[in-house]
Protein backbone atom coordinates (compact mmCIF):
# COMPACT_ATOMS: atom_id res chain seq x y z
CA UNK A 1 -0.25 0.54 -0.04
CA UNK A 2 1.46 3.43 -0.97
CA UNK A 3 1.02 6.02 1.79
CA UNK A 4 -0.36 9.76 0.73
CA UNK A 5 1.45 12.49 2.34
CA UNK A 6 -0.40 15.42 2.56
CA UNK A 7 1.12 18.89 0.94
CA UNK A 8 1.49 20.46 4.20
CA UNK A 9 3.82 17.98 5.54
CA UNK A 10 6.27 18.40 2.59
CA UNK A 11 7.11 21.75 2.54
CA UNK A 12 9.11 23.60 5.38
CA UNK A 13 6.53 26.69 5.16
CA UNK A 14 2.98 25.82 4.04
CA UNK A 15 0.22 28.21 4.08
CA UNK A 16 -3.41 27.50 2.49
CA UNK A 17 -6.28 28.93 4.40
CA UNK A 18 -8.95 26.06 3.99
CA UNK A 19 -11.37 28.65 2.61
CA UNK A 20 -9.37 28.54 -0.67
CA UNK A 21 -10.43 24.69 -1.22
CA UNK A 22 -13.86 25.52 -0.17
CA UNK A 23 -14.60 28.18 -2.76
CA UNK A 24 -13.74 25.37 -5.21
CA UNK A 25 -17.20 24.49 -6.89
CA UNK A 26 -19.13 26.98 -4.31
CA UNK A 27 -22.71 26.97 -4.96
CA UNK A 28 -25.96 28.80 -4.37
CA UNK A 29 -27.19 26.37 -2.12
CA UNK A 30 -23.84 26.57 -0.05
CA UNK A 31 -24.12 30.10 0.00
CA UNK A 32 -27.48 30.06 1.49
CA UNK A 33 -26.39 27.65 4.09
CA UNK A 34 -23.79 29.44 5.10
CA UNK A 35 -25.50 32.79 5.25
CA UNK A 36 -28.58 31.17 7.55
CA UNK A 37 -25.79 29.83 9.92
CA UNK A 38 -23.48 32.65 9.92
CA UNK A 39 -26.58 34.89 10.63
CA UNK A 40 -27.61 32.55 13.59
CA UNK A 41 -24.18 32.64 14.82
CA UNK A 42 -24.07 36.12 14.79
CA UNK A 43 -26.98 36.63 17.00
CA UNK A 44 -25.83 34.05 19.24
CA UNK A 45 -22.12 35.89 19.64
CA UNK A 46 -23.62 39.03 19.86
CA UNK A 47 -24.14 39.06 23.60
CA UNK A 48 -21.08 36.64 24.13
CA UNK A 49 -18.93 39.35 22.73
CA UNK A 50 -20.34 42.52 24.54
CA UNK A 51 -20.39 40.51 27.75
CA UNK A 52 -16.68 38.88 27.91
CA UNK A 53 -15.63 42.83 27.39
CA UNK A 54 -17.10 43.61 30.12
CA UNK A 55 -16.61 40.59 32.23
CA UNK A 56 -12.61 41.04 31.35
CA UNK A 57 -12.89 44.33 32.85
CA UNK A 58 -12.27 46.52 29.60
CA UNK A 59 -15.40 47.50 27.41
CA UNK A 60 -18.02 46.15 25.57
CA UNK A 61 -16.83 47.12 22.12
CA UNK A 62 -13.53 45.64 22.88
CA UNK A 63 -15.36 42.23 22.73
CA UNK A 64 -17.73 42.89 19.92
CA UNK A 65 -14.15 44.60 18.03
CA UNK A 66 -12.56 40.95 18.64
CA UNK A 67 -15.61 39.17 17.06
CA UNK A 68 -15.51 41.28 14.38
CA UNK A 69 -11.84 41.36 13.09
CA UNK A 70 -11.03 38.06 14.72
CA UNK A 71 -13.82 36.11 13.58
CA UNK A 72 -13.27 37.36 10.22
CA UNK A 73 -9.47 36.21 10.00
CA UNK A 74 -9.63 32.86 11.83
CA UNK A 75 -12.26 31.92 8.98
CA UNK A 76 -10.53 33.54 6.40
CA UNK A 77 -7.00 32.40 7.22
CA UNK A 78 -7.76 29.17 9.07
CA UNK A 79 -7.45 25.33 8.92
CA UNK A 80 -11.29 24.40 9.71
CA UNK A 81 -14.12 24.43 7.58
CA UNK A 82 -16.32 25.53 10.28
CA UNK A 83 -14.19 27.16 13.06
CA UNK A 84 -15.80 30.46 14.40
CA UNK A 85 -13.33 32.94 16.16
CA UNK A 86 -13.89 35.72 18.62
CA UNK A 87 -13.21 36.39 22.34
CA UNK A 88 -13.59 33.34 24.79
CA UNK A 89 -14.32 32.98 28.43
CA UNK A 90 -11.18 31.28 29.01
CA UNK A 91 -9.46 34.42 28.75
CA UNK A 92 -11.54 36.51 31.17
CA UNK A 93 -9.49 35.80 34.59
CA UNK A 94 -6.37 36.36 32.78
CA UNK A 95 -7.53 39.39 30.94
CA UNK A 96 -8.62 41.01 34.05
CA UNK A 97 -5.39 40.22 36.39
CA UNK A 98 -3.61 41.48 33.27
CA UNK A 99 -5.87 44.60 33.29
CA UNK A 100 -5.12 45.19 37.36
CA UNK A 101 -1.56 44.87 37.08
CA UNK A 102 -0.39 46.26 33.85
CA UNK A 103 -3.32 48.18 32.28
CA UNK A 104 -4.98 47.83 29.25
CA UNK A 105 -1.92 49.31 26.57
CA UNK A 106 0.38 46.41 28.09
CA UNK A 107 -2.63 43.75 27.50
CA UNK A 108 -2.70 44.66 23.85
CA UNK A 109 0.97 44.35 23.40
CA UNK A 110 0.76 41.08 25.16
CA UNK A 111 -2.07 39.92 22.97
CA UNK A 112 0.17 40.96 19.61
CA UNK A 113 3.20 38.86 21.57
CA UNK A 114 0.68 35.93 21.73
CA UNK A 115 -0.29 36.48 17.96
CA UNK A 116 3.23 35.77 16.92
CA UNK A 117 4.17 33.43 18.94
CA UNK A 118 0.92 31.16 17.87
CA UNK A 119 1.82 32.19 14.20
CA UNK A 120 5.46 30.91 15.00
CA UNK A 121 3.84 27.32 16.52
CA UNK A 122 1.91 26.86 13.22
CA UNK A 123 4.60 27.97 10.84
CA UNK A 124 6.94 25.24 12.72
CA UNK A 125 4.38 22.75 12.51
CA UNK A 126 3.82 22.55 16.44
CA UNK A 127 0.03 22.30 15.83
CA UNK A 128 0.01 18.47 16.87
CA UNK A 129 2.14 18.96 20.14
CA UNK A 130 -1.08 20.31 21.70
CA UNK A 131 -1.95 16.93 22.33
CA UNK A 132 0.83 16.47 24.74
CA UNK A 133 -0.95 19.10 26.99
CA UNK A 134 -2.32 16.59 29.67
CA UNK A 135 -6.20 15.85 29.92
CA UNK A 136 -6.04 16.60 33.86
CA UNK A 137 -4.51 19.79 33.04
CA UNK A 138 -7.07 21.14 30.37
CA UNK A 139 -9.80 19.96 32.53
CA UNK A 140 -8.55 21.57 35.72
CA UNK A 141 -7.96 25.17 34.11
CA UNK A 142 -11.55 24.37 32.32
CA UNK A 143 -13.12 24.41 35.60
CA UNK A 144 -11.21 27.02 37.12
CA UNK A 145 -12.02 29.55 34.48
CA UNK A 146 -15.73 28.65 34.66
CA UNK A 147 -15.76 29.60 38.55
CA UNK A 148 -13.36 32.91 37.68
CA UNK A 149 -16.14 34.06 35.36
CA UNK A 150 -18.85 33.34 37.81
CA UNK A 151 -17.24 35.03 40.66
CA UNK A 152 -16.91 38.15 37.67
CA UNK A 153 -20.59 38.04 37.75
CA UNK A 154 -21.82 38.15 41.04
CA UNK A 155 -21.48 42.12 41.36
CA UNK A 156 -23.76 42.42 38.22
CA UNK A 157 -26.19 39.78 39.25
CA UNK A 158 -26.85 41.14 42.42
CA UNK A 159 -26.23 44.67 41.73
CA UNK A 160 -23.80 45.06 44.78
CA UNK A 161 -22.29 48.62 45.70
CA UNK A 162 -18.58 48.03 46.35
CA UNK A 163 -16.27 50.35 48.25
CA UNK A 164 -13.62 51.06 45.61
CA UNK A 165 -12.81 48.92 42.84
CA UNK A 166 -13.39 44.92 42.65
CA UNK A 167 -10.39 43.10 43.60
CA UNK A 168 -9.19 41.07 40.66
CA UNK A 169 -7.86 38.19 42.97
CA UNK A 170 -10.16 35.25 43.80
CA UNK A 171 -9.99 35.58 47.53
CA UNK A 172 -10.33 39.72 47.95
CA UNK A 173 -12.90 39.50 45.48
CA UNK A 174 -14.85 37.61 47.34
CA UNK A 175 -14.51 38.76 50.95
CA UNK A 176 -15.46 42.51 49.25
CA UNK A 177 -18.45 40.81 47.60
CA UNK A 178 -19.28 39.34 51.08
CA UNK A 179 -18.91 42.76 53.01
CA UNK A 180 -21.26 44.09 50.18
CA UNK A 181 -24.35 41.59 50.44
CA UNK A 182 -26.45 44.25 52.39
CA UNK A 183 -26.55 46.27 49.19
CA UNK A 184 -28.33 43.82 47.20
CA UNK A 185 -30.40 45.53 44.55
CA UNK A 186 -33.74 43.54 44.15
CA UNK A 187 -34.77 44.95 40.87
CA UNK A 188 -31.36 44.02 39.43
CA UNK A 189 -31.61 40.59 41.01
CA UNK A 190 -34.99 40.09 39.52
CA UNK A 191 -33.80 41.10 35.99
CA UNK A 192 -30.94 38.47 36.21
CA UNK A 193 -33.50 35.88 37.71
CA UNK A 194 -35.41 36.16 34.59
CA UNK A 195 -32.69 36.21 32.12
CA UNK A 196 -31.43 32.96 33.66
CA UNK A 197 -35.03 31.48 33.58
CA UNK A 198 -35.38 32.21 29.82
CA UNK A 199 -32.12 31.03 28.87
CA UNK A 200 -32.08 27.57 31.00
CA UNK A 201 -35.70 27.02 29.92
CA UNK A 202 -35.54 28.29 26.66
CA UNK A 203 -37.12 25.30 23.99
CA UNK A 204 -34.02 23.87 22.09
CA UNK A 205 -36.69 23.60 19.04
CA UNK A 206 -36.57 27.08 18.81
CA UNK A 207 -32.56 27.52 18.70
CA UNK A 208 -32.85 29.59 15.40
CA UNK A 209 -33.37 32.18 18.08
CA UNK A 210 -31.16 31.76 20.82
CA UNK A 211 -32.37 32.16 24.23
CA UNK A 212 -29.51 34.54 25.53
CA UNK A 213 -30.83 36.97 22.92
CA UNK A 214 -34.49 36.62 24.25
CA UNK A 215 -33.02 37.00 27.61
CA UNK A 216 -31.10 40.29 26.79
CA UNK A 217 -33.96 41.92 24.90
CA UNK A 218 -36.74 41.16 27.54
CA UNK A 219 -34.44 42.72 29.89
CA UNK A 220 -33.72 45.56 27.96
CA UNK A 221 -37.74 46.01 27.28
CA UNK A 222 -38.52 45.94 31.18
CA UNK A 223 -35.97 48.22 31.70
CA UNK A 224 -37.00 50.98 28.99
CA UNK A 225 -40.71 50.62 29.75
CA UNK A 226 -40.78 50.67 33.28
CA UNK A 227 -37.90 52.78 33.75
CA UNK A 228 -36.14 50.43 36.30
CA UNK A 229 -33.07 51.49 38.15
CA UNK A 230 -30.69 48.91 37.35
CA UNK A 231 -26.93 49.54 35.72
CA UNK A 232 -26.76 49.27 31.84
CA UNK A 233 -24.13 49.36 29.33
CA UNK A 234 -25.17 53.22 28.48
CA UNK A 235 -25.03 54.23 32.12
CA UNK A 236 -21.71 52.34 33.13
CA UNK A 237 -19.66 52.72 30.09
CA UNK A 238 -21.46 55.46 28.14
CA UNK A 239 -22.74 53.20 25.49
CA UNK A 240 -20.75 51.34 22.30
CA UNK A 241 -19.21 54.07 19.70
CA UNK A 242 -21.12 53.66 16.49
CA UNK A 243 -18.98 53.41 13.67
CA UNK A 244 -15.82 51.39 12.45
CA UNK A 245 -13.18 50.31 14.83
CA UNK A 246 -10.09 53.22 15.27
CA UNK A 247 -6.47 51.65 14.24
CA UNK A 248 -4.08 52.48 17.08
CA UNK A 249 -0.46 50.82 17.52
CA UNK A 250 -0.06 50.13 21.04
CA UNK A 251 2.85 52.41 22.56
CA UNK A 252 6.06 50.28 23.12
CA UNK A 253 7.66 50.14 26.46
CA UNK A 254 10.53 48.12 26.03
CA UNK A 255 10.90 47.89 29.88
CA UNK A 256 7.60 46.29 30.17
CA UNK A 257 8.48 43.45 27.34
CA UNK A 258 10.44 40.98 29.66
CA UNK A 259 7.52 41.10 31.97
CA UNK A 260 5.15 40.25 29.40
CA UNK A 261 6.18 37.33 28.13
CA UNK A 262 5.17 34.96 30.59
CA UNK A 263 1.52 35.95 29.93
CA UNK A 264 1.63 36.12 26.05
CA UNK A 265 2.89 32.50 26.09
CA UNK A 266 0.04 31.82 28.49
CA UNK A 267 -2.61 33.61 26.14
CA UNK A 268 -1.00 31.89 22.97
CA UNK A 269 -0.90 28.02 25.07
CA UNK A 270 -4.59 28.70 26.05
CA UNK A 271 -5.40 30.02 22.57
CA UNK A 272 -4.23 27.27 20.99
CA UNK A 273 -5.64 24.57 23.29
CA UNK A 274 -8.99 26.20 23.04
CA UNK A 275 -9.19 26.46 18.84
CA UNK A 276 -7.41 23.05 18.47
CA UNK A 277 -9.68 21.19 21.08
CA UNK A 278 -13.13 23.03 19.29
CA UNK A 279 -11.53 22.12 15.53
CA UNK A 280 -11.34 18.24 16.67
CA UNK A 281 -15.01 18.20 17.88
CA UNK A 282 -16.04 20.00 15.02
CA UNK A 283 -14.45 17.45 12.97
CA UNK A 284 -16.11 14.86 14.49
CA UNK A 285 -19.25 16.53 13.93
CA UNK A 286 -18.71 17.12 10.30
CA UNK A 287 -16.67 14.22 9.65
CA UNK A 288 -13.82 16.15 8.33
CA UNK A 289 -10.05 16.85 8.90
CA UNK A 290 -8.51 20.39 10.11
CA UNK A 291 -4.91 21.79 9.47
CA UNK A 292 -3.89 22.23 12.98
CA UNK A 293 -0.94 24.36 11.98
CA UNK A 294 -3.03 26.40 9.44
CA UNK A 295 -5.46 27.19 12.26
CA UNK A 296 -2.63 28.26 14.86
CA UNK A 297 -1.45 30.78 12.07
CA UNK A 298 -4.69 31.96 11.65
CA UNK A 299 -4.75 32.41 15.28
CA UNK A 300 -1.76 34.18 15.25
CA UNK A 301 -2.55 36.58 12.51
CA UNK A 302 -5.70 37.46 14.41
CA UNK A 303 -4.39 38.25 17.84
CA UNK A 304 -1.51 40.31 16.25
CA UNK A 305 -3.99 42.24 14.02
CA UNK A 306 -7.24 42.56 17.00
CA UNK A 307 -5.24 44.31 19.25
CA UNK A 308 -4.89 47.35 16.89
CA UNK A 309 -8.19 48.35 16.75
CA UNK A 310 -8.75 47.84 20.56
CA UNK A 311 -9.69 44.46 20.65
CA UNK A 312 -9.54 41.10 23.09
CA UNK A 313 -7.51 37.85 22.63
CA UNK A 314 -9.36 35.50 20.19
CA UNK A 315 -9.37 32.12 19.78
CA UNK A 316 -11.35 29.57 18.19
CA UNK A 317 -14.92 29.05 20.61
CA UNK A 318 -16.42 25.81 20.58
CA UNK A 319 -20.09 26.63 21.40
CA UNK A 320 -20.25 29.22 18.69
CA UNK A 321 -18.65 26.37 16.38
CA UNK A 322 -21.14 23.84 17.56
CA UNK A 323 -23.98 26.11 16.87
CA UNK A 324 -22.41 27.15 13.24
CA UNK A 325 -22.46 23.18 12.43
CA UNK A 326 -25.92 22.60 13.89
CA UNK A 327 -27.11 25.32 11.87
CA UNK A 328 -25.82 23.93 8.80
CA UNK A 329 -22.67 25.89 8.16
CA UNK A 330 -20.58 24.09 4.97
CA UNK A 331 -17.75 26.55 4.55
CA UNK A 332 -15.47 29.56 6.25
CA UNK A 333 -17.79 31.82 4.26
CA UNK A 334 -20.43 31.10 7.37
CA UNK A 335 -17.82 32.60 9.89
CA UNK A 336 -17.21 35.52 7.80
CA UNK A 337 -21.03 36.00 7.49
CA UNK A 338 -21.09 36.21 11.47
CA UNK A 339 -17.86 38.76 11.54
CA UNK A 340 -20.05 41.14 8.88
CA UNK A 341 -23.06 40.72 10.93
CA UNK A 342 -21.68 41.91 14.13
CA UNK A 343 -19.68 44.90 12.38
CA UNK A 344 -23.31 45.87 10.84
CA UNK A 345 -24.63 45.95 14.45
CA UNK A 346 -21.48 47.92 15.21
CA UNK A 347 -22.55 50.61 12.25
CA UNK A 348 -26.00 50.93 12.61
CA UNK A 349 -27.38 49.54 15.81
CA UNK A 350 -24.58 50.40 18.46
CA UNK A 351 -26.72 53.24 20.28
CA UNK A 352 -29.48 50.50 20.96
CA UNK A 353 -26.75 48.57 23.00
CA UNK A 354 -27.02 51.14 25.72
CA UNK A 355 -29.69 50.53 27.38
CA UNK A 356 -28.86 46.45 27.55
CA UNK A 357 -29.11 45.72 31.65
CA UNK A 358 -25.80 44.51 32.95
CA UNK A 359 -27.61 41.81 34.96
CA UNK A 360 -29.17 40.54 31.68
CA UNK A 361 -25.57 40.18 30.13
CA UNK A 362 -24.35 38.74 33.65
CA UNK A 363 -27.07 35.85 33.54
CA UNK A 364 -25.83 35.34 29.66
CA UNK A 365 -22.28 34.63 30.54
CA UNK A 366 -23.29 32.86 34.22
CA UNK A 367 -24.76 30.21 32.16
CA UNK A 368 -21.59 30.05 29.37
CA UNK A 369 -19.73 29.54 32.87
CA UNK A 370 -21.83 26.69 34.23
CA UNK A 371 -21.94 24.85 30.67
CA UNK A 372 -18.39 25.15 30.14
CA UNK A 373 -17.10 23.49 33.79
CA UNK A 374 -16.53 19.57 33.11
CA UNK A 375 -18.00 19.63 36.74
CA UNK A 376 -18.63 15.60 36.43
CA UNK A 377 -14.78 15.42 36.75
CA UNK A 378 -15.08 16.27 40.76
CA UNK A 379 -17.50 12.85 41.10
CA UNK A 380 -14.67 10.66 39.28
CA UNK A 381 -11.82 11.64 40.93
CA UNK A 382 -11.99 8.63 43.35
CA UNK A 383 -11.85 6.40 40.08
CA UNK A 384 -8.77 8.09 38.65
CA UNK A 385 -4.86 7.68 39.54
CA UNK A 386 -4.12 9.84 42.36
CA UNK A 387 -1.66 11.34 40.33
CA UNK A 388 -4.17 12.47 37.74
CA UNK A 389 -6.52 13.71 40.55
CA UNK A 390 -3.36 15.80 42.44
CA UNK A 391 -2.79 17.48 38.70
CA UNK A 392 -6.71 18.44 38.20
CA UNK A 393 -6.93 19.47 41.73
CA UNK A 394 -4.05 21.30 41.71
CA UNK A 395 -4.32 23.18 38.57
CA UNK A 396 -8.17 23.99 39.17
CA UNK A 397 -7.20 25.54 42.71
CA UNK A 398 -4.10 27.68 41.35
CA UNK A 399 -6.38 28.81 38.33
CA UNK A 400 -9.15 30.20 40.87
CA UNK A 401 -6.64 31.32 43.57
CA UNK A 402 -3.81 32.75 41.44
CA UNK A 403 -3.66 32.80 37.47
CA UNK A 404 -3.58 30.78 34.58
CA UNK A 405 -0.16 31.10 34.14
CA UNK A 406 0.58 29.89 37.35
CA UNK A 407 -1.67 27.09 36.98
CA UNK A 408 -0.54 25.98 33.52
CA UNK A 409 3.36 25.89 34.45
CA UNK A 410 2.71 24.08 37.95
CA UNK A 411 0.09 21.51 36.26
CA UNK A 412 2.43 20.63 33.74
CA UNK A 413 5.30 19.93 35.70
CA UNK A 414 3.34 18.01 37.94
CA UNK A 415 1.63 16.15 34.95
CA UNK A 416 5.40 15.01 33.89
CA UNK A 417 6.47 14.24 37.26
CA UNK A 418 3.77 11.87 37.38
CA UNK A 419 4.43 10.37 34.15
CA UNK A 420 7.80 9.98 34.95
CA UNK A 421 6.93 8.00 37.86
CA UNK A 422 4.63 5.64 35.72
CA UNK A 423 7.18 5.04 33.18
CA UNK A 424 9.58 4.33 35.93
CA UNK A 425 6.92 1.80 37.34
CA UNK A 426 6.55 0.01 34.56
CA UNK A 427 10.43 -0.46 33.97
CA UNK A 428 11.12 -3.80 35.38
CA UNK A 429 14.27 -6.06 35.53
CA UNK A 430 14.08 -9.59 35.86
CA UNK A 431 17.01 -12.12 36.48
CA UNK A 432 16.75 -14.90 34.00
CA UNK A 433 17.24 -18.59 35.54
CA UNK A 434 18.79 -21.44 33.31
CA UNK A 435 15.46 -22.89 33.24
CA UNK A 436 13.48 -19.88 31.87
CA UNK A 437 16.12 -19.53 29.46
CA UNK A 438 15.87 -22.90 28.25
CA UNK A 439 11.82 -22.65 28.14
CA UNK A 440 12.11 -19.67 25.74
CA UNK A 441 9.09 -17.13 25.14
CA UNK A 442 8.78 -13.62 26.42
CA UNK A 443 10.61 -12.00 23.35
CA UNK A 444 13.47 -14.81 22.91
CA UNK A 445 14.24 -18.43 21.82
CA UNK A 446 15.09 -21.29 23.88
CA UNK A 447 18.73 -21.27 24.95
CA UNK A 448 19.98 -24.72 26.25
CA UNK A 449 23.35 -24.95 28.45
CA UNK A 450 23.78 -21.73 29.59
CA UNK A 451 27.25 -21.73 31.31
CA UNK A 452 28.05 -21.25 34.48
CA UNK A 453 28.92 -18.10 35.82
CA UNK A 454 26.91 -16.22 33.38
CA UNK A 455 23.84 -14.03 34.22
CA UNK A 456 21.16 -13.07 32.34
CA UNK A 457 18.91 -10.35 32.94
CA UNK A 458 15.77 -8.95 30.84
CA UNK A 459 14.61 -5.33 31.00
CA UNK A 460 11.30 -4.80 30.06
CA UNK A 461 9.68 -1.26 29.24
CA UNK A 462 11.45 2.35 28.56
CA UNK A 463 14.75 3.11 30.01
CA UNK A 464 14.60 6.97 30.59
CA UNK A 465 15.98 9.36 33.62
CA UNK A 466 13.27 8.26 35.80
CA UNK A 467 13.95 4.62 35.85
CA UNK A 468 17.42 4.23 34.77
CA UNK A 469 18.95 3.84 38.58
CA UNK A 470 17.19 0.47 38.34
CA UNK A 471 20.57 -0.60 36.08
CA UNK A 472 21.95 -0.34 39.18
CA UNK A 473 20.67 -3.63 40.89
CA UNK A 474 22.67 -5.63 38.16
CA UNK A 475 25.96 -4.71 39.76
CA UNK A 476 24.54 -5.49 43.35
CA UNK A 477 23.22 -8.94 42.03
CA UNK A 478 26.38 -9.94 40.11
CA UNK A 479 28.43 -11.01 42.78
CA UNK A 480 30.06 -14.17 43.35
CA UNK A 481 31.40 -16.45 40.77
CA UNK A 482 29.58 -14.18 37.74
CA UNK A 483 31.84 -13.69 35.18
CA UNK A 484 29.81 -12.14 32.26
CA UNK A 485 26.43 -10.59 32.33
CA UNK A 486 24.00 -10.54 29.46
CA UNK A 487 21.45 -7.54 29.49
CA UNK A 488 18.63 -8.90 26.98
CA UNK A 489 17.22 -5.38 25.67
CA UNK A 490 14.75 -6.97 23.13
CA UNK A 491 11.84 -5.68 25.52
CA UNK A 492 13.26 -2.00 25.86
CA UNK A 493 11.14 0.23 23.77
CA UNK A 494 13.56 3.81 24.16
CA UNK A 495 16.17 4.74 25.82
CA UNK A 496 17.70 8.32 26.77
CA UNK A 497 21.14 10.03 27.84
CA UNK A 498 20.84 9.22 31.12
CA UNK A 499 20.05 5.26 30.63
CA UNK A 500 22.88 5.69 28.45
CA UNK A 501 25.09 6.66 31.03
CA UNK A 502 23.95 4.00 33.74
CA UNK A 503 24.90 1.42 30.85
CA UNK A 504 28.46 2.98 30.59
CA UNK A 505 28.95 2.95 34.27
CA UNK A 506 27.79 -0.44 34.38
CA UNK A 507 30.35 -1.66 32.17
CA UNK A 508 33.27 0.43 33.65
CA UNK A 509 32.52 -1.60 37.00
CA UNK A 510 32.20 -4.78 35.44
CA UNK A 511 35.06 -4.27 33.60
CA UNK A 512 36.94 -3.00 36.84
CA UNK A 513 35.86 -6.42 38.61
CA UNK A 514 37.10 -8.78 35.52
CA UNK A 515 33.56 -9.16 33.93
CA UNK A 516 32.42 -9.05 30.93
CA UNK A 517 29.06 -6.84 29.60
CA UNK A 518 27.44 -8.32 26.63
CA UNK A 519 23.98 -6.88 25.41
CA UNK A 520 21.60 -8.85 23.55
CA UNK A 521 18.70 -7.65 20.73
CA UNK A 522 18.62 -3.95 21.02
CA UNK A 523 15.99 -2.26 19.33
CA UNK A 524 16.19 0.48 16.53
CA UNK A 525 16.38 3.62 18.88
CA UNK A 526 18.28 2.21 21.74
CA UNK A 527 20.64 0.55 19.33
CA UNK A 528 21.71 3.87 17.10
CA UNK A 529 21.85 6.07 20.20
CA UNK A 530 24.46 3.86 21.70
CA UNK A 531 26.13 3.45 18.27
CA UNK A 532 26.17 7.10 17.66
CA UNK A 533 27.38 7.65 21.26
CA UNK A 534 30.29 5.41 20.64
CA UNK A 535 29.39 3.00 23.20
CA UNK A 536 29.68 0.07 21.02
CA UNK A 537 33.30 0.71 20.37
CA UNK A 538 33.62 1.09 23.93
CA UNK A 539 32.15 -2.24 24.75
CA UNK A 540 33.59 -4.16 21.74
CA UNK A 541 31.38 -4.31 18.79
CA UNK A 542 31.67 -8.51 19.48
CA UNK A 543 29.62 -7.94 22.39
CA UNK A 544 26.48 -6.69 21.02
CA UNK A 545 24.48 -9.84 19.92
CA UNK A 546 21.31 -9.62 17.96
CA UNK A 547 19.37 -12.51 20.03
CA UNK A 548 19.64 -13.67 23.51
CA UNK A 549 21.26 -17.36 21.91
CA UNK A 550 24.16 -15.41 20.18
CA UNK A 551 24.82 -13.70 23.45
CA UNK A 552 25.20 -17.08 25.32
CA UNK A 553 27.48 -18.12 22.41
CA UNK A 554 29.33 -14.93 22.88
CA UNK A 555 29.59 -15.66 26.49
CA UNK A 556 30.78 -19.06 26.12
CA UNK A 557 33.74 -17.55 23.73
CA UNK A 558 34.57 -15.12 26.64
CA UNK A 559 34.55 -17.96 29.34
CA UNK A 560 36.12 -20.33 26.75
CA UNK A 561 33.99 -23.32 27.23
CA UNK A 562 32.65 -25.41 24.24
């Protein structure tokens, strides 16, 4: 069978947006399907984009700009047929902390840096490396982000009056909100409760008109008709500016660049994980396969351009992508229509947004947070390995209590330590008796008449730095009249530099005591690694044998027995 290699794997740099292929043979029926899906997703995205801008501590228009420009670029340049790009709840806590620590100008600059990182990841074909982020880490910070979003909406849901600005950190925020509980505005709470009820109880068969839009519309109408004393976008932010987003290059302060590198990498990693997970889910729904590297380059371009117009970080968004698919989208044109709809609202109907109550938007985001959290993971903790449970809980706790940067870093380190321990636990060294050698099986042919003074050790699993110290046990066991040690490596799947160093030490110590080391059946990766390092010349190539039988024959020659 001849294997076909995709064109993007043959070239060092390959840039081909999925839109180019999708437009070949594009028909009127395709356009009508994309038009309907794009308009529906645009309606869904409208309240989310505005609400996420507010929740992140920026402005309503910042989220809207991200949906317009980011959504357009992700669909225009991306590697998925149906991916929808825009602001995401995953960024809310991180952006809020960055706003409190650095300010808007540095946030925009940090997002541009993340865009460069994302584009470089795609250009260097690192898209597949995202799969190495462990599941407990992704689930942990997803649940943590959901709690963070909920915590940012409590004030708007209850209409609380705080003494000073709302703290960005979780525990100080909770303390400030608790002190402000006596100031609950019952009218605001009623609007929030009604909005939540509409969203949660809205019939699924009416999904062409999303419940979130109905909730915002009903809340806005009630506030306008009855002149209810609740905070609105207009009273809080002065409304949303009508017209095209203004271009502005963020001021460069090279003194701050070093402090922005870590959060920029966090934005890039989070954006990559979110967008590629959404693309994978979309592939399953439409039986397609996206180009992960092209998708990362599109995300990079979007995150570099959007801040130039004052927008939030952008990623592929699963909920809006799934809505796009359910509404019949066929090509990236649907995502472009979604961005055009948001732009039309900005140019024509922006003044109407001033009357939208913040409590209704908070209800929309609260439902988003509840639905994005994978809460069943807490119930499954007892069934999970201790290492995975510890990684999940640590990542979750750090995301909530500190920030996503720390959570991802610590979570990845703990996941790596857990992986190393598991590899070490699965690596075994077994001393083979003469009877076992004669019986055969387990990776070797029967070998009879093993001479006296020959010890055979079978090694199972990967010899990596977490398990390499187990080779030291061979020295401890090889005393007495042992003159030749055979290490049967047919079941060794991989070896690293630490394990190679241990093998070299083993050979030196045996040689020092007048004993000979023979290696039997090393696989491809360990074989070429030892050869490249010059170990075969050090050991003697005659002591590298293809199988156990030839290793025993070599041992007889060393011992000079027939």
